[in-house]
Amino acid sequence: MTTSVDLLVVGAGPTGLTAAVAAGPSRSVRVVEATSRIGGMAGSVTVAGIRACLLYTSPSPRDGTKDLVCRRL
């Protein structure tokens, strides 16, 4: 089966969902997510019966991690 869409969004985190909504109702959009939940790094999980928020911050140029991430890419 072949399905055609105007926009394929990879990832159902905040950015992916925003891109899907921003595409507007005049375009066909499909969002694909690798996990069983949406939210990406802005989601939450249950650990030992306690709900915990996932937090993610981009590497900061001040902490030197940017260079490490770029080297790995």
PDB file of N, CA and C in Angstrom:
ATOM      1  N   MET A   1       0.828  -1.170   0.000  1.00  0.00           N
ATOM      2  CA  MET A   1       0.000   0.000   0.000  1.00  0.00           C
ATOM      3  C   MET A   1       0.882   1.246   0.000  1.00  0.00           C
ATOM      4  N   THR A   2       0.629   2.148  -0.888  1.00  0.00           N
ATOM      5  CA  THR A   2       1.375   3.396  -0.973  1.00  0.00           C
ATOM      6  C   THR A   2       0.481   4.535  -0.510  1.00  0.00           C
ATOM      7  N   THR A   3       1.024   5.348   0.385  1.00  0.00           N
ATOM      8  CA  THR A   3       0.289   6.502   0.873  1.00  0.00           C
ATOM      9  C   THR A   3       1.097   7.745   0.577  1.00  0.00           C
ATOM     10  N   SER A   4       0.452   8.738   0.032  1.00  0.00           N
ATOM     11  CA  SER A   4       1.124   9.984  -0.303  1.00  0.00           C
ATOM     12  C   SER A   4       0.686  11.069   0.673  1.00  0.00           C
ATOM     13  N   VAL A   5       1.661  11.834   1.175  1.00  0.00           N
ATOM     14  CA  VAL A   5       1.361  12.968   2.047  1.00  0.00           C
ATOM     15  C   VAL A   5       2.185  14.163   1.579  1.00  0.00           C
ATOM     16  N   ASP A   6       1.708  15.350   1.914  1.00  0.00           N
ATOM     17  CA  ASP A   6       2.464  16.563   1.593  1.00  0.00           C
ATOM     18  C   ASP A   6       3.635  16.757   2.540  1.00  0.00           C
ATOM     19  N   LEU A   7       3.457  16.353   3.803  1.00  0.00           N
ATOM     20  CA  LEU A   7       4.500  16.556   4.810  1.00  0.00           C
ATOM     21  C   LEU A   7       4.577  15.352   5.718  1.00  0.00           C
ATOM     22  N   LEU A   8       5.762  14.790   5.842  1.00  0.00           N
ATOM     23  CA  LEU A   8       6.009  13.701   6.783  1.00  0.00           C
ATOM     24  C   LEU A   8       6.847  14.270   7.909  1.00  0.00           C
ATOM     25  N   VAL A   9       6.328  14.214   9.117  1.00  0.00           N
ATOM     26  CA  VAL A   9       7.036  14.726  10.290  1.00  0.00           C
ATOM     27  C   VAL A   9       7.565  13.541  11.073  1.00  0.00           C
ATOM     28  N   VAL A  10       8.861  13.528  11.317  1.00  0.00           N
ATOM     29  CA  VAL A  10       9.491  12.448  12.069  1.00  0.00           C
ATOM     30  C   VAL A  10       9.686  12.927  13.504  1.00  0.00           C
ATOM     31  N   GLY A  11       8.935  12.340  14.404  1.00  0.00           N
ATOM     32  CA  GLY A  11       9.031  12.694  15.815  1.00  0.00           C
ATOM     33  C   GLY A  11       7.830  13.476  16.294  1.00  0.00           C
ATOM     34  N   ALA A  12       7.210  12.988  17.369  1.00  0.00           N
ATOM     35  CA  ALA A  12       6.017  13.623  17.921  1.00  0.00           C
ATOM     36  C   ALA A  12       6.331  14.384  19.203  1.00  0.00           C
ATOM     37  N   GLY A  13       7.497  15.017  19.213  1.00  0.00           N
ATOM     38  CA  GLY A  13       7.835  15.909  20.315  1.00  0.00           C
ATOM     39  C   GLY A  13       7.252  17.285  20.040  1.00  0.00           C
ATOM     40  N   PRO A  14       7.576  18.258  20.869  1.00  0.00           N
ATOM     41  CA  PRO A  14       7.024  19.603  20.683  1.00  0.00           C
ATOM     42  C   PRO A  14       7.287  20.194  19.299  1.00  0.00           C
ATOM     43  N   THR A  15       8.480  20.036  18.788  1.00  0.00           N
ATOM     44  CA  THR A  15       8.815  20.610  17.489  1.00  0.00           C
ATOM     45  C   THR A  15       8.075  19.907  16.360  1.00  0.00           C
ATOM     46  N   GLY A  16       8.024  18.584  16.407  1.00  0.00           N
ATOM     47  CA  GLY A  16       7.326  17.834  15.371  1.00  0.00           C
ATOM     48  C   GLY A  16       5.835  18.128  15.350  1.00  0.00           C
ATOM     49  N   LEU A  17       5.229  18.189  16.532  1.00  0.00           N
ATOM     50  CA  LEU A  17       3.797  18.478  16.588  1.00  0.00           C
ATOM     51  C   LEU A  17       3.506  19.906  16.142  1.00  0.00           C
ATOM     52  N   THR A  18       4.390  20.837  16.485  1.00  0.00           N
ATOM     53  CA  THR A  18       4.225  22.218  16.036  1.00  0.00           C
ATOM     54  C   THR A  18       4.326  22.308  14.524  1.00  0.00           C
ATOM     55  N   ALA A  19       5.278  21.589  13.940  1.00  0.00           N
ATOM     56  CA  ALA A  19       5.427  21.587  12.481  1.00  0.00           C
ATOM     57  C   ALA A  19       4.176  21.022  11.810  1.00  0.00           C
ATOM     58  N   ALA A  20       3.621  19.973  12.388  1.00  0.00           N
ATOM     59  CA  ALA A  20       2.417  19.365  11.813  1.00  0.00           C
ATOM     60  C   ALA A  20       1.240  20.336  11.846  1.00  0.00           C
ATOM     61  N   VAL A  21       1.074  21.040  12.945  1.00  0.00           N
ATOM     62  CA  VAL A  21      -0.024  22.007  13.057  1.00  0.00           C
ATOM     63  C   VAL A  21       0.219  23.207  12.150  1.00  0.00           C
ATOM     64  N   ALA A  22       1.467  23.664  12.083  1.00  0.00           N
ATOM     65  CA  ALA A  22       1.809  24.837  11.268  1.00  0.00           C
ATOM     66  C   ALA A  22       1.617  24.579   9.778  1.00  0.00           C
ATOM     67  N   ALA A  23       1.634  23.319   9.373  1.00  0.00           N
ATOM     68  CA  ALA A  23       1.451  22.995   7.957  1.00  0.00           C
ATOM     69  C   ALA A  23       0.082  23.416   7.463  1.00  0.00           C
ATOM     70  N   GLY A  24      -0.849  23.530   8.384  1.00  0.00           N
ATOM     71  CA  GLY A  24      -2.176  24.012   8.011  1.00  0.00           C
ATOM     72  C   GLY A  24      -3.097  22.919   7.526  1.00  0.00           C
ATOM     73  N   PRO A  25      -4.384  23.208   7.532  1.00  0.00           N
ATOM     74  CA  PRO A  25      -5.376  22.195   7.156  1.00  0.00           C
ATOM     75  C   PRO A  25      -5.410  21.887   5.657  1.00  0.00           C
ATOM     76  N   SER A  26      -4.746  22.701   4.848  1.00  0.00           N
ATOM     77  CA  SER A  26      -4.791  22.463   3.404  1.00  0.00           C
ATOM     78  C   SER A  26      -3.770  21.424   2.950  1.00  0.00           C
ATOM     79  N   ARG A  27      -2.923  20.960   3.852  1.00  0.00           N
ATOM     80  CA  ARG A  27      -1.918  19.946   3.499  1.00  0.00           C
ATOM     81  C   ARG A  27      -2.206  18.650   4.242  1.00  0.00           C
ATOM     82  N   SER A  28      -1.865  17.542   3.599  1.00  0.00           N
ATOM     83  CA  SER A  28      -1.979  16.264   4.300  1.00  0.00           C
ATOM     84  C   SER A  28      -0.668  16.029   5.049  1.00  0.00           C
ATOM     85  N   VAL A  29      -0.790  15.697   6.312  1.00  0.00           N
ATOM     86  CA  VAL A  29       0.382  15.549   7.187  1.00  0.00           C
ATOM     87  C   VAL A  29       0.315  14.202   7.877  1.00  0.00           C
ATOM     88  N   ARG A  30       1.455  13.548   7.972  1.00  0.00           N
ATOM     89  CA  ARG A  30       1.571  12.323   8.762  1.00  0.00           C
ATOM     90  C   ARG A  30       2.719  12.511   9.741  1.00  0.00           C
ATOM     91  N   VAL A  31       2.455  12.208  11.016  1.00  0.00           N
ATOM     92  CA  VAL A  31       3.479  12.276  12.057  1.00  0.00           C
ATOM     93  C   VAL A  31       3.826  10.847  12.445  1.00  0.00           C
ATOM     94  N   VAL A  32       5.108  10.510  12.409  1.00  0.00           N
ATOM     95  CA  VAL A  32       5.559   9.185  12.837  1.00  0.00           C
ATOM     96  C   VAL A  32       6.417   9.339  14.085  1.00  0.00           C
ATOM     97  N   GLU A  33       6.257   8.419  15.007  1.00  0.00           N
ATOM     98  CA  GLU A  33       6.973   8.459  16.282  1.00  0.00           C
ATOM     99  C   GLU A  33       7.508   7.076  16.574  1.00  0.00           C
ATOM    100  N   ALA A  34       8.750   6.998  17.029  1.00  0.00           N
ATOM    101  CA  ALA A  34       9.398   5.712  17.288  1.00  0.00           C
ATOM    102  C   ALA A  34       8.915   5.061  18.579  1.00  0.00           C
ATOM    103  N   THR A  35       8.417   5.856  19.510  1.00  0.00           N
ATOM    104  CA  THR A  35       7.986   5.301  20.790  1.00  0.00           C
ATOM    105  C   THR A  35       6.466   5.176  20.834  1.00  0.00           C
ATOM    106  N   SER A  36       5.969   4.666  21.924  1.00  0.00           N
ATOM    107  CA  SER A  36       4.527   4.460  22.059  1.00  0.00           C
ATOM    108  C   SER A  36       3.811   5.677  22.644  1.00  0.00           C
ATOM    109  N   ARG A  37       4.527   6.788  22.826  1.00  0.00           N
ATOM    110  CA  ARG A  37       3.896   7.978  23.397  1.00  0.00           C
ATOM    111  C   ARG A  37       4.378   9.224  22.673  1.00  0.00           C
ATOM    112  N   ILE A  38       3.578  10.266  22.734  1.00  0.00           N
ATOM    113  CA  ILE A  38       3.993  11.535  22.152  1.00  0.00           C
ATOM    114  C   ILE A  38       4.616  12.403  23.238  1.00  0.00           C
ATOM    115  N   GLY A  39       5.275  13.462  22.829  1.00  0.00           N
ATOM    116  CA  GLY A  39       5.841  14.401  23.793  1.00  0.00           C
ATOM    117  C   GLY A  39       7.350  14.507  23.732  1.00  0.00           C
ATOM    118  N   GLY A  40       7.999  13.491  23.175  1.00  0.00           N
ATOM    119  CA  GLY A  40       9.455  13.543  23.092  1.00  0.00           C
ATOM    120  C   GLY A  40      10.091  13.786  24.443  1.00  0.00           C
ATOM    121  N   MET A  41      11.087  14.655  24.468  1.00  0.00           N
ATOM    122  CA  MET A  41      11.784  14.964  25.712  1.00  0.00           C
ATOM    123  C   MET A  41      10.996  15.921  26.598  1.00  0.00           C
ATOM    124  N   ALA A  42       9.794  16.291  26.183  1.00  0.00           N
ATOM    125  CA  ALA A  42       8.942  17.138  27.014  1.00  0.00           C
ATOM    126  C   ALA A  42       7.846  16.308  27.671  1.00  0.00           C
ATOM    127  N   GLY A  43       7.971  15.017  27.593  1.00  0.00           N
ATOM    128  CA  GLY A  43       6.953  14.135  28.146  1.00  0.00           C
ATOM    129  C   GLY A  43       7.224  13.789  29.596  1.00  0.00           C
ATOM    130  N   SER A  44       6.574  12.752  30.040  1.00  0.00           N
ATOM    131  CA  SER A  44       6.792  12.274  31.401  1.00  0.00           C
ATOM    132  C   SER A  44       6.709  10.752  31.400  1.00  0.00           C
ATOM    133  N   VAL A  45       7.290  10.156  32.409  1.00  0.00           N
ATOM    134  CA  VAL A  45       7.305   8.706  32.543  1.00  0.00           C
ATOM    135  C   VAL A  45       6.974   8.354  33.987  1.00  0.00           C
ATOM    136  N   THR A  46       6.609   7.115  34.206  1.00  0.00           N
ATOM    137  CA  THR A  46       6.384   6.637  35.561  1.00  0.00           C
ATOM    138  C   THR A  46       7.553   5.741  35.948  1.00  0.00           C
ATOM    139  N   VAL A  47       8.203   6.078  37.050  1.00  0.00           N
ATOM    140  CA  VAL A  47       9.346   5.321  37.555  1.00  0.00           C
ATOM    141  C   VAL A  47       9.023   4.909  38.984  1.00  0.00           C
ATOM    142  N   ALA A  48       8.980   3.624  39.233  1.00  0.00           N
ATOM    143  CA  ALA A  48       8.687   3.097  40.572  1.00  0.00           C
ATOM    144  C   ALA A  48       7.394   3.685  41.128  1.00  0.00           C
ATOM    145  N   GLY A  49       6.402   3.835  40.257  1.00  0.00           N
ATOM    146  CA  GLY A  49       5.115   4.352  40.678  1.00  0.00           C
ATOM    147  C   GLY A  49       5.030   5.854  40.846  1.00  0.00           C
ATOM    148  N   ILE A  50       6.117   6.554  40.531  1.00  0.00           N
ATOM    149  CA  ILE A  50       6.150   8.008  40.667  1.00  0.00           C
ATOM    150  C   ILE A  50       6.234   8.629  39.284  1.00  0.00           C
ATOM    151  N   ARG A  51       5.357   9.577  39.002  1.00  0.00           N
ATOM    152  CA  ARG A  51       5.354  10.272  37.711  1.00  0.00           C
ATOM    153  C   ARG A  51       6.489  11.286  37.701  1.00  0.00           C
ATOM    154  N   ALA A  52       7.353  11.208  36.693  1.00  0.00           N
ATOM    155  CA  ALA A  52       8.505  12.114  36.590  1.00  0.00           C
ATOM    156  C   ALA A  52       8.498  12.799  35.237  1.00  0.00           C
ATOM    157  N   CYS A  53       8.758  14.085  35.227  1.00  0.00           N
ATOM    158  CA  CYS A  53       8.843  14.852  33.984  1.00  0.00           C
ATOM    159  C   CYS A  53      10.215  14.673  33.371  1.00  0.00           C
ATOM    160  N   LEU A  54      10.237  14.517  32.059  1.00  0.00           N
ATOM    161  CA  LEU A  54      11.505  14.481  31.337  1.00  0.00           C
ATOM    162  C   LEU A  54      11.855  15.913  30.955  1.00  0.00           C
ATOM    163  N   LEU A  55      13.056  16.304  31.212  1.00  0.00           N
ATOM    164  CA  LEU A  55      13.505  17.644  30.852  1.00  0.00           C
ATOM    165  C   LEU A  55      14.721  17.524  29.959  1.00  0.00           C
ATOM    166  N   TYR A  56      14.805  18.347  28.956  1.00  0.00           N
ATOM    167  CA  TYR A  56      15.947  18.327  28.044  1.00  0.00           C
ATOM    168  C   TYR A  56      16.353  19.754  27.758  1.00  0.00           C
ATOM    169  N   THR A  57      17.625  20.012  27.846  1.00  0.00           N
ATOM    170  CA  THR A  57      18.145  21.308  27.439  1.00  0.00           C
ATOM    171  C   THR A  57      19.204  21.070  26.387  1.00  0.00           C
ATOM    172  N   SER A  58      19.237  21.907  25.402  1.00  0.00           N
ATOM    173  CA  SER A  58      20.228  21.778  24.341  1.00  0.00           C
ATOM    174  C   SER A  58      21.621  22.003  24.914  1.00  0.00           C
ATOM    175  N   PRO A  59      22.627  21.410  24.293  1.00  0.00           N
ATOM    176  CA  PRO A  59      23.987  21.670  24.759  1.00  0.00           C
ATOM    177  C   PRO A  59      24.287  23.167  24.716  1.00  0.00           C
ATOM    178  N   SER A  60      24.912  23.645  25.737  1.00  0.00           N
ATOM    179  CA  SER A  60      25.254  25.060  25.822  1.00  0.00           C
ATOM    180  C   SER A  60      26.688  25.277  25.372  1.00  0.00           C
ATOM    181  N   PRO A  61      26.950  26.336  24.603  1.00  0.00           N
ATOM    182  CA  PRO A  61      28.332  26.621  24.215  1.00  0.00           C
ATOM    183  C   PRO A  61      29.205  26.906  25.425  1.00  0.00           C
ATOM    184  N   ARG A  62      28.583  27.295  26.533  1.00  0.00           N
ATOM    185  CA  ARG A  62      29.354  27.619  27.738  1.00  0.00           C
ATOM    186  C   ARG A  62      29.889  26.377  28.435  1.00  0.00           C
ATOM    187  N   ASP A  63      29.225  25.227  28.257  1.00  0.00           N
ATOM    188  CA  ASP A  63      29.675  24.050  28.999  1.00  0.00           C
ATOM    189  C   ASP A  63      30.543  23.094  28.173  1.00  0.00           C
ATOM    190  N   GLY A  64      30.810  23.442  26.922  1.00  0.00           N
ATOM    191  CA  GLY A  64      31.712  22.633  26.104  1.00  0.00           C
ATOM    192  C   GLY A  64      31.082  21.387  25.500  1.00  0.00           C
ATOM    193  N   THR A  65      29.820  21.099  25.804  1.00  0.00           N
ATOM    194  CA  THR A  65      29.213  19.883  25.263  1.00  0.00           C
ATOM    195  C   THR A  65      28.889  20.008  23.784  1.00  0.00           C
ATOM    196  N   LYS A  66      28.737  21.230  23.291  1.00  0.00           N
ATOM    197  CA  LYS A  66      28.449  21.427  21.867  1.00  0.00           C
ATOM    198  C   LYS A  66      29.527  20.772  21.010  1.00  0.00           C
ATOM    199  N   ASP A  67      30.781  20.975  21.390  1.00  0.00           N
ATOM    200  CA  ASP A  67      31.889  20.396  20.616  1.00  0.00           C
ATOM    201  C   ASP A  67      31.857  18.873  20.661  1.00  0.00           C
ATOM    202  N   LEU A  68      31.526  18.312  21.817  1.00  0.00           N
ATOM    203  CA  LEU A  68      31.451  16.863  21.957  1.00  0.00           C
ATOM    204  C   LEU A  68      30.332  16.300  21.074  1.00  0.00           C
ATOM    205  N   VAL A  69      29.178  16.959  21.092  1.00  0.00           N
ATOM    206  CA  VAL A  69      28.058  16.493  20.275  1.00  0.00           C
ATOM    207  C   VAL A  69      28.416  16.587  18.793  1.00  0.00           C
ATOM    208  N   CYS A  70      29.020  17.671  18.367  1.00  0.00           N
ATOM    209  CA  CYS A  70      29.392  17.823  16.962  1.00  0.00           C
ATOM    210  C   CYS A  70      30.428  16.797  16.540  1.00  0.00           C
ATOM    211  N   ARG A  71      31.356  16.468  17.397  1.00  0.00           N
ATOM    212  CA  ARG A  71      32.360  15.452  17.052  1.00  0.00           C
ATOM    213  C   ARG A  71      31.707  14.091  16.861  1.00  0.00           C
ATOM    214  N   ARG A  72      30.702  13.776  17.679  1.00  0.00           N
ATOM    215  CA  ARG A  72      30.029  12.482  17.574  1.00  0.00           C
ATOM    216  C   ARG A  72      29.176  12.402  16.319  1.00  0.00           C
ATOM    217  N   LEU A  73      28.638  13.543  15.846  1.00  0.00           N
ATOM    218  CA  LEU A  73      27.837  13.542  14.634  1.00  0.00           C
ATOM    219  C   LEU A  73      28.732  13.360  13.449  1.00  0.00           C
TER     220      LEU A  73
END
